[in-house]
Structure formats: structure tokens, C-alpha cells
Amino acid sequence: MARYGVDIGGTKIETAIFDDHFNLLDCWRVNTPTDDYARFLETLKEQITKADQITGETCNVGIGMPGLINHKGKVLSANIPCATNQDIVHDLHAILDRHINLKNDTRCFALSEATLGAGKEYSRVFGAIIGTGAAGGLCVNGQLEETNLGIAGEYGHIPLSAQLQQKYNLPIYTCGCGLQGCVESYIAGPGISRLYQHFTGEQQSAIHWHQQLTLNDTTAQQVLACYLDILGETFAALVKFQEPDIIVLGGGLSLVDNIIVQLPNAIQQHLFPGFTSPKVVAAQFGDSSGVRGAAILGSLPHEL
């Protein structure tokens, strides 16, 4: 029996077919309709129908997408506004007549890495995406943490501490979620640009910062020190709340070696004396981890 995974992003929908051991058989991408819900559903139907034609089977589907899904199945997604306040699972089930599981895309990433990837040998695995946003999920013994509100893992919306705000004289930003001072505004990709501008007065991309970092530029190193201080404090809070055995990083900023190497020490600086940071590693499956996690989700007998 094949396994279908769908990873919905703000610009692209990736559909992947796996075998029953979750080895990739086929995948493709199409543009994401973001403003027309009927077209959004139709596009998803077209991709699943295409998968059926390729496999000759009618398989259950796991879907990951940006945003929050509450206990009533309603979606809140800034990246795909047409999906907000919609019950996607109910609507897709009506047109596809099969089992559908839907979760936040970062939770799918965590599930993938905890069951098949870099965290598979550990009991408590926190998978954290650091890219255009910052979120993740906790898996315990290979199972995604189940919560009523559906917001567990949104570490990017922990507020920046007054201590670090004053230490670096940082401005307080309004987050895209509507709250003030969320750490996502400083640690996600756009946050790097904000920090760079704060220290230099120049508007530059995170890519430019990374290029300067590889050249051992003093200002880029200063930005990195501030960044790691904020990320270290944020993950130290996660460790205090959830005690993961390992933290698996994904997203664009996980490709910056300095972050992977130096983050455990940065976390350590914000933990209690005598307690050590969990291991921090890069995702085993990289960009494909989310869609693989969605396929794993779809193979489960009921929605987590």
C-alpha cells in the first residue's frame, strides 16, 4: 500500500508518494491558491487524483500546512488566508471519500525526524523549524504530542525577555500573529535581517549576513552572538518545560553550521547550573522531512 503526503506552503504544494517503508517513489509541486478556497480544494483534489492514477490505489492522505488547527478542525493560516476558518479535513473528505489527517507542517517535520530521522533513537524529540517562521513539535516515543488547543510547539511566540532586550537595546516588534515581542521576530530568517539592520543600520538579507559570516566579518559575528543568545534562551525555556532528549533543527537557518555547532552552549548559558543542554542536530531528511511526516500522519488510524 502506497502512502501519500502533501506539504502545503504559502507558494507551493508538494505531493509525494512513498512505499510502505516511507521510501520516496514520486513527488511533484504545483502553485498554492491562497485567495480562493474552492480553487484551493480543487487543487488538492487534483493532486490526490493524480497520485491515485500513478499508484492504481486509493490511499489515505496526510497533510501538513502552515498555521494552527484548533480542536474543532478549523484552520488559522496567515500564509493561506482562504483556508482560515475552514474545516479542510471535513471538506476534503467529502470530495475524496477517504481518511484525511491534517497537522501544522512543523509538527509533521517533528514526526518525520522522531520516527525515521535524526531523532529515531531518542524517546523525547523536539523538532524545530527555523526558516521564514519558527515553530515545532514534541514527539514522545515516536508519537506526536496530543493537545486540545493545537498550539503546543509554537516556541516562536515565546516573548523576548526583558534581560536580552535591554542587553542589546533591541526594538520591540509586532509579530505577524498580532502579539508584541515574539522571539520569531528576531530568530526567523527575517529576524536576522532585523538584527543586522539594528547593529549596522543597513538593510540586508539573511543570505548576505551568512556570506559575511563565512568571511569572519566582525559585524556578522556580533549579529550571530546576539542571535544565539536569543535562540539559546528560547530553547532553554523549551528544555525547562518539555525536557527533550534531542532537538532536531530544520529550515533554512539550520543549514548555518555556526548555529548548529554553537547552539548547545548558548542553551547551556540559560539553564540551571549543573544541568546540560540536550543534543542539537540537523534534520536527516532536510527539506523533504515535512512531506514525509505528512505521509506518516496519513498512515495513522486516526488524527492525532
Protein backbone atom coordinates (compact mmCIF):
# COMPACT_ATOMS: atom_id res chain seq x y z
CA MET A 1 0.00 0.00 0.00
CA ALA A 2 1.40 3.39 -1.00
CA ARG A 3 1.48 6.37 1.36
CA TYR A 4 0.54 9.89 0.30
CA GLY A 5 1.95 13.04 1.87
CA VAL A 6 1.02 16.61 0.98
CA ASP A 7 3.08 19.57 2.21
CA ILE A 8 1.20 22.84 1.63
CA GLY A 9 3.28 26.01 1.63
CA GLY A 10 2.45 29.63 1.01
CA THR A 11 3.67 29.38 -2.60
CA LYS A 12 3.88 25.64 -3.47
CA ILE A 13 2.03 22.41 -2.72
CA GLU A 14 4.31 19.37 -2.73
CA THR A 15 2.71 15.96 -3.15
CA ALA A 16 4.77 12.82 -2.55
CA ILE A 17 4.14 9.10 -2.86
CA PHE A 18 6.03 6.72 -0.57
CA ASP A 19 6.12 2.96 -0.28
CA ASP A 20 5.03 1.28 2.94
CA HIS A 21 8.54 1.80 4.38
CA PHE A 22 8.34 5.51 3.53
CA ASN A 23 10.88 5.41 0.75
CA LEU A 24 10.12 8.13 -1.79
CA LEU A 25 8.62 6.87 -5.06
CA ASP A 26 7.48 10.08 -6.74
CA CYS A 27 6.86 13.75 -5.97
CA TRP A 28 5.84 16.98 -7.69
CA ARG A 29 4.90 20.58 -6.91
CA VAL A 30 2.21 22.99 -8.05
CA ASN A 31 1.38 26.56 -7.10
CA THR A 32 -0.74 27.13 -3.99
CA PRO A 33 -4.02 29.01 -4.49
CA THR A 34 -4.13 31.29 -1.45
CA ASP A 35 -7.16 33.52 -2.05
CA ASP A 36 -9.79 31.16 -3.48
CA TYR A 37 -10.87 28.34 -1.16
CA ALA A 38 -12.82 26.44 -3.81
CA ARG A 39 -9.78 26.51 -6.09
CA PHE A 40 -7.58 25.51 -3.15
CA LEU A 41 -9.70 22.39 -2.53
CA GLU A 42 -9.87 21.58 -6.22
CA THR A 43 -6.07 21.80 -6.50
CA LEU A 44 -5.65 19.36 -3.61
CA LYS A 45 -8.19 17.02 -5.18
CA GLU A 46 -6.30 17.13 -8.47
CA GLN A 47 -3.04 16.15 -6.78
CA ILE A 48 -4.55 13.23 -4.88
CA THR A 49 -6.34 12.04 -8.02
CA LYS A 50 -3.02 12.18 -9.86
CA ALA A 51 -1.42 10.09 -7.09
CA ASP A 52 -4.23 7.53 -7.41
CA GLN A 53 -3.64 7.32 -11.15
CA ILE A 54 0.10 6.75 -10.61
CA THR A 55 -0.34 4.05 -7.95
CA GLY A 56 -3.58 2.48 -9.09
CA GLU A 57 -4.69 2.70 -5.45
CA THR A 58 -6.99 4.82 -3.29
CA CYS A 59 -4.83 5.78 -0.32
CA ASN A 60 -5.35 7.80 2.83
CA VAL A 61 -3.74 11.24 2.90
CA GLY A 62 -1.65 13.13 5.42
CA ILE A 63 -1.39 16.90 5.03
CA GLY A 64 0.93 19.43 6.63
CA MET A 65 0.37 23.17 6.23
CA PRO A 66 1.43 26.41 7.91
CA GLY A 67 -0.91 27.73 10.54
CA LEU A 68 -2.86 26.42 13.50
CA ILE A 69 -5.65 23.85 13.57
CA ASN A 70 -7.92 24.14 16.60
CA HIS A 71 -9.85 21.39 18.39
CA LYS A 72 -12.81 21.91 16.04
CA GLY A 73 -10.65 21.34 12.97
CA LYS A 74 -10.75 24.99 11.91
CA VAL A 75 -7.59 26.46 10.41
CA LEU A 76 -5.86 29.78 11.09
CA SER A 77 -3.23 30.44 8.42
CA ALA A 78 -1.64 33.78 7.58
CA ASN A 79 0.17 32.27 4.58
CA ILE A 80 -3.01 30.76 3.07
CA PRO A 81 -5.77 33.20 4.00
CA CYS A 82 -8.50 31.40 2.06
CA ALA A 83 -8.10 28.42 4.40
CA THR A 84 -8.67 30.43 7.58
CA ASN A 85 -11.82 29.40 9.48
CA GLN A 86 -12.30 26.44 7.13
CA ASP A 87 -12.58 22.77 8.12
CA ILE A 88 -10.27 21.38 5.44
CA VAL A 89 -10.41 17.77 6.65
CA HIS A 90 -14.21 17.70 6.51
CA ASP A 91 -14.32 19.35 3.10
CA LEU A 92 -11.64 17.12 1.55
CA HIS A 93 -13.22 14.00 2.96
CA ALA A 94 -16.47 14.98 1.23
CA ILE A 95 -14.83 15.25 -2.20
CA LEU A 96 -12.22 12.48 -1.89
CA ASP A 97 -14.12 9.95 0.26
CA ARG A 98 -11.11 8.74 2.22
CA HIS A 99 -9.34 9.23 5.53
CA ILE A 100 -7.57 12.62 5.85
CA ASN A 101 -5.17 13.69 8.62
CA LEU A 102 -4.11 17.34 8.85
CA LYS A 103 -1.50 18.95 11.08
CA ASN A 104 0.71 22.01 11.18
CA ASP A 105 3.67 21.45 8.85
CA THR A 106 6.25 21.82 11.62
CA ARG A 107 4.53 19.05 13.60
CA CYS A 108 4.82 16.83 10.51
CA PHE A 109 8.53 17.66 10.38
CA ALA A 110 8.89 16.65 14.04
CA LEU A 111 7.02 13.38 13.44
CA SER A 112 9.24 12.52 10.48
CA GLU A 113 12.50 13.15 12.31
CA ALA A 114 11.33 11.44 15.51
CA THR A 115 10.20 8.23 13.82
CA LEU A 116 12.55 7.81 10.86
CA GLY A 117 15.15 10.57 11.04
CA ALA A 118 17.77 12.12 13.29
CA GLY A 119 15.74 11.57 16.47
CA LYS A 120 14.64 7.96 15.93
CA GLU A 121 16.93 6.59 18.68
CA TYR A 122 15.56 9.01 21.30
CA SER A 123 12.42 8.98 23.42
CA ARG A 124 11.62 12.70 23.63
CA VAL A 125 12.32 14.55 20.39
CA PHE A 126 11.62 18.21 19.71
CA GLY A 127 11.65 19.07 16.01
CA ALA A 128 12.16 22.79 15.42
CA ILE A 129 11.89 24.65 12.14
CA ILE A 130 13.82 27.92 11.83
CA GLY A 131 13.09 29.45 8.45
CA THR A 132 10.64 32.15 7.45
CA GLY A 133 8.97 31.32 10.77
CA ALA A 134 9.84 29.45 13.95
CA ALA A 135 7.75 26.57 15.28
CA GLY A 136 8.00 22.87 16.00
CA GLY A 137 6.57 19.94 17.87
CA LEU A 138 7.36 17.36 20.54
CA CYS A 139 7.21 13.62 19.90
CA VAL A 140 7.32 11.11 22.75
CA ASN A 141 8.19 7.52 21.89
CA GLY A 142 7.50 8.21 18.23
CA GLN A 143 4.09 9.78 18.80
CA LEU A 144 3.26 13.43 18.29
CA GLU A 145 2.19 15.20 21.46
CA GLU A 146 -1.59 15.48 21.58
CA THR A 147 -3.10 18.74 22.84
CA ASN A 148 -6.58 20.23 22.90
CA LEU A 149 -5.73 23.71 21.62
CA GLY A 150 -3.29 22.61 18.92
CA ILE A 151 -0.73 25.30 19.72
CA ALA A 152 1.93 23.25 21.54
CA GLY A 153 5.29 23.73 19.83
CA GLU A 154 4.81 27.38 18.88
CA TYR A 155 8.10 28.34 20.51
CA GLY A 156 8.49 31.30 18.15
CA HIS A 157 5.80 33.10 20.12
CA ILE A 158 7.56 32.97 23.45
CA PRO A 159 8.18 36.66 24.26
CA LEU A 160 11.68 38.11 24.16
CA SER A 161 12.95 38.53 27.71
CA ALA A 162 13.45 42.00 29.15
CA GLN A 163 17.00 40.97 30.05
CA LEU A 164 18.01 40.36 26.42
CA GLN A 165 16.00 43.29 25.10
CA GLN A 166 17.92 45.61 27.42
CA LYS A 167 21.28 43.87 26.91
CA TYR A 168 21.19 44.54 23.16
CA ASN A 169 18.85 47.58 23.24
CA LEU A 170 16.55 45.80 20.81
CA PRO A 171 13.34 47.33 19.44
CA ILE A 172 10.07 45.56 20.21
CA TYR A 173 8.35 44.35 17.05
CA THR A 174 4.74 43.46 16.41
CA CYS A 175 4.67 39.82 15.32
CA GLY A 176 2.57 38.59 12.42
CA CYS A 177 0.44 36.75 14.97
CA GLY A 178 -0.61 40.10 16.48
CA LEU A 179 1.38 39.82 19.71
CA GLN A 180 4.25 42.07 20.75
CA GLY A 181 7.88 40.99 21.08
CA CYS A 182 7.64 37.35 19.95
CA VAL A 183 11.10 35.82 19.53
CA GLU A 184 10.16 34.75 15.99
CA SER A 185 10.63 38.40 15.01
CA TYR A 186 14.33 38.04 15.92
CA ILE A 187 15.26 34.40 15.25
CA ALA A 188 13.46 33.54 11.99
CA GLY A 189 15.04 34.48 8.64
CA PRO A 190 13.54 37.98 8.55
CA GLY A 191 14.72 38.40 12.16
CA ILE A 192 18.34 38.01 11.08
CA SER A 193 17.79 40.93 8.70
CA ARG A 194 16.30 42.98 11.53
CA LEU A 195 19.23 42.22 13.81
CA TYR A 196 21.69 43.08 11.04
CA GLN A 197 19.97 46.41 10.48
CA HIS A 198 19.88 47.06 14.23
CA PHE A 199 23.66 46.65 14.53
CA THR A 200 24.71 48.21 11.21
CA GLY A 201 21.92 50.50 10.04
CA GLU A 202 21.96 48.58 6.74
CA GLN A 203 19.06 46.62 5.24
CA GLN A 204 20.49 43.27 4.18
CA SER A 205 19.15 39.76 3.74
CA ALA A 206 19.93 36.76 5.92
CA ILE A 207 21.84 35.39 2.93
CA HIS A 208 24.11 38.46 2.91
CA TRP A 209 24.68 38.05 6.66
CA HIS A 210 25.66 34.41 6.16
CA GLN A 211 28.07 35.35 3.38
CA GLN A 212 29.70 37.90 5.67
CA LEU A 213 29.81 35.35 8.45
CA THR A 214 31.79 32.93 6.29
CA LEU A 215 34.30 35.76 5.77
CA ASN A 216 34.62 36.21 9.56
CA ASP A 217 33.20 39.71 9.33
CA THR A 218 33.17 41.31 12.80
CA THR A 219 29.66 42.73 12.50
CA ALA A 220 28.26 39.42 11.23
CA GLN A 221 29.83 37.74 14.25
CA GLN A 222 28.19 40.34 16.51
CA VAL A 223 24.80 39.59 14.96
CA LEU A 224 25.43 35.85 15.43
CA ALA A 225 26.26 36.35 19.13
CA CYS A 226 23.00 38.25 19.71
CA TYR A 227 21.04 35.72 17.64
CA LEU A 228 22.43 32.74 19.56
CA ASP A 229 21.75 34.45 22.88
CA ILE A 230 18.07 34.85 21.95
CA LEU A 231 17.74 31.37 20.41
CA GLY A 232 19.63 29.82 23.33
CA GLU A 233 17.34 31.43 25.88
CA THR A 234 14.27 30.38 23.89
CA PHE A 235 15.36 26.75 23.64
CA ALA A 236 16.42 26.76 27.29
CA ALA A 237 12.80 27.64 28.11
CA LEU A 238 11.72 24.69 25.96
CA VAL A 239 14.10 22.40 27.82
CA LYS A 240 12.72 23.59 31.16
CA PHE A 241 9.13 22.97 30.03
CA GLN A 242 9.47 19.77 28.00
CA GLU A 243 12.90 18.19 28.59
CA PRO A 244 13.57 16.84 25.10
CA ASP A 245 16.40 14.32 24.79
CA ILE A 246 17.36 15.85 21.44
CA ILE A 247 16.46 18.93 19.40
CA VAL A 248 16.35 18.41 15.63
CA LEU A 249 16.61 21.58 13.56
CA GLY A 250 15.16 22.13 10.10
CA GLY A 251 14.55 25.14 7.89
CA GLY A 252 16.96 27.46 6.13
CA LEU A 253 18.85 28.65 9.21
CA SER A 254 19.57 25.06 10.26
CA LEU A 255 21.99 24.98 7.31
CA VAL A 256 24.23 27.55 9.03
CA ASP A 257 26.91 25.42 10.68
CA ASN A 258 27.73 28.08 13.28
CA ILE A 259 24.19 27.83 14.64
CA ILE A 260 24.16 24.02 14.91
CA VAL A 261 27.63 23.91 16.50
CA GLN A 262 27.23 26.79 18.94
CA LEU A 263 23.59 26.41 19.95
CA PRO A 264 24.09 23.78 22.72
CA ASN A 265 26.47 26.13 24.54
CA ALA A 266 24.04 29.03 24.02
CA ILE A 267 21.25 26.94 25.57
CA GLN A 268 23.59 25.96 28.41
CA GLN A 269 24.09 29.61 29.35
CA HIS A 270 20.38 29.91 30.16
CA LEU A 271 19.90 26.64 32.06
CA PHE A 272 20.30 25.97 35.75
CA PRO A 273 23.87 25.33 36.98
CA GLY A 274 24.73 21.64 36.78
CA PHE A 275 22.21 20.85 34.03
CA THR A 276 23.27 20.26 30.44
CA SER A 277 21.72 21.11 27.09
CA PRO A 278 20.22 18.28 25.05
CA LYS A 279 21.96 17.31 21.84
CA VAL A 280 21.22 19.60 18.86
CA VAL A 281 21.43 18.14 15.33
CA ALA A 282 20.34 18.98 11.80
CA ALA A 283 17.41 17.13 10.25
CA GLN A 284 18.27 13.89 8.48
CA PHE A 285 15.76 14.41 5.66
CA GLY A 286 16.21 18.15 5.11
CA ASP A 287 13.53 19.84 3.02
CA SER A 288 11.74 16.54 2.37
CA SER A 289 11.12 15.81 6.04
CA GLY A 290 7.81 17.69 6.20
CA VAL A 291 6.14 15.83 3.35
CA ARG A 292 7.45 12.50 4.69
CA GLY A 293 5.97 13.39 8.08
CA ALA A 294 2.66 14.18 6.41
CA ALA A 295 2.69 10.71 4.82
CA ILE A 296 3.40 9.14 8.21
CA LEU A 297 0.49 11.15 9.62
CA GLY A 298 -1.77 9.90 6.85
CA SER A 299 -0.88 6.29 7.62
CA LEU A 300 -2.10 6.59 11.20
CA PRO A 301 -5.53 5.11 12.02
CA HIS A 302 -6.89 8.33 13.48
CA GLU A 303 -5.98 12.00 13.71
CA LEU A 304 -3.51 12.71 16.48
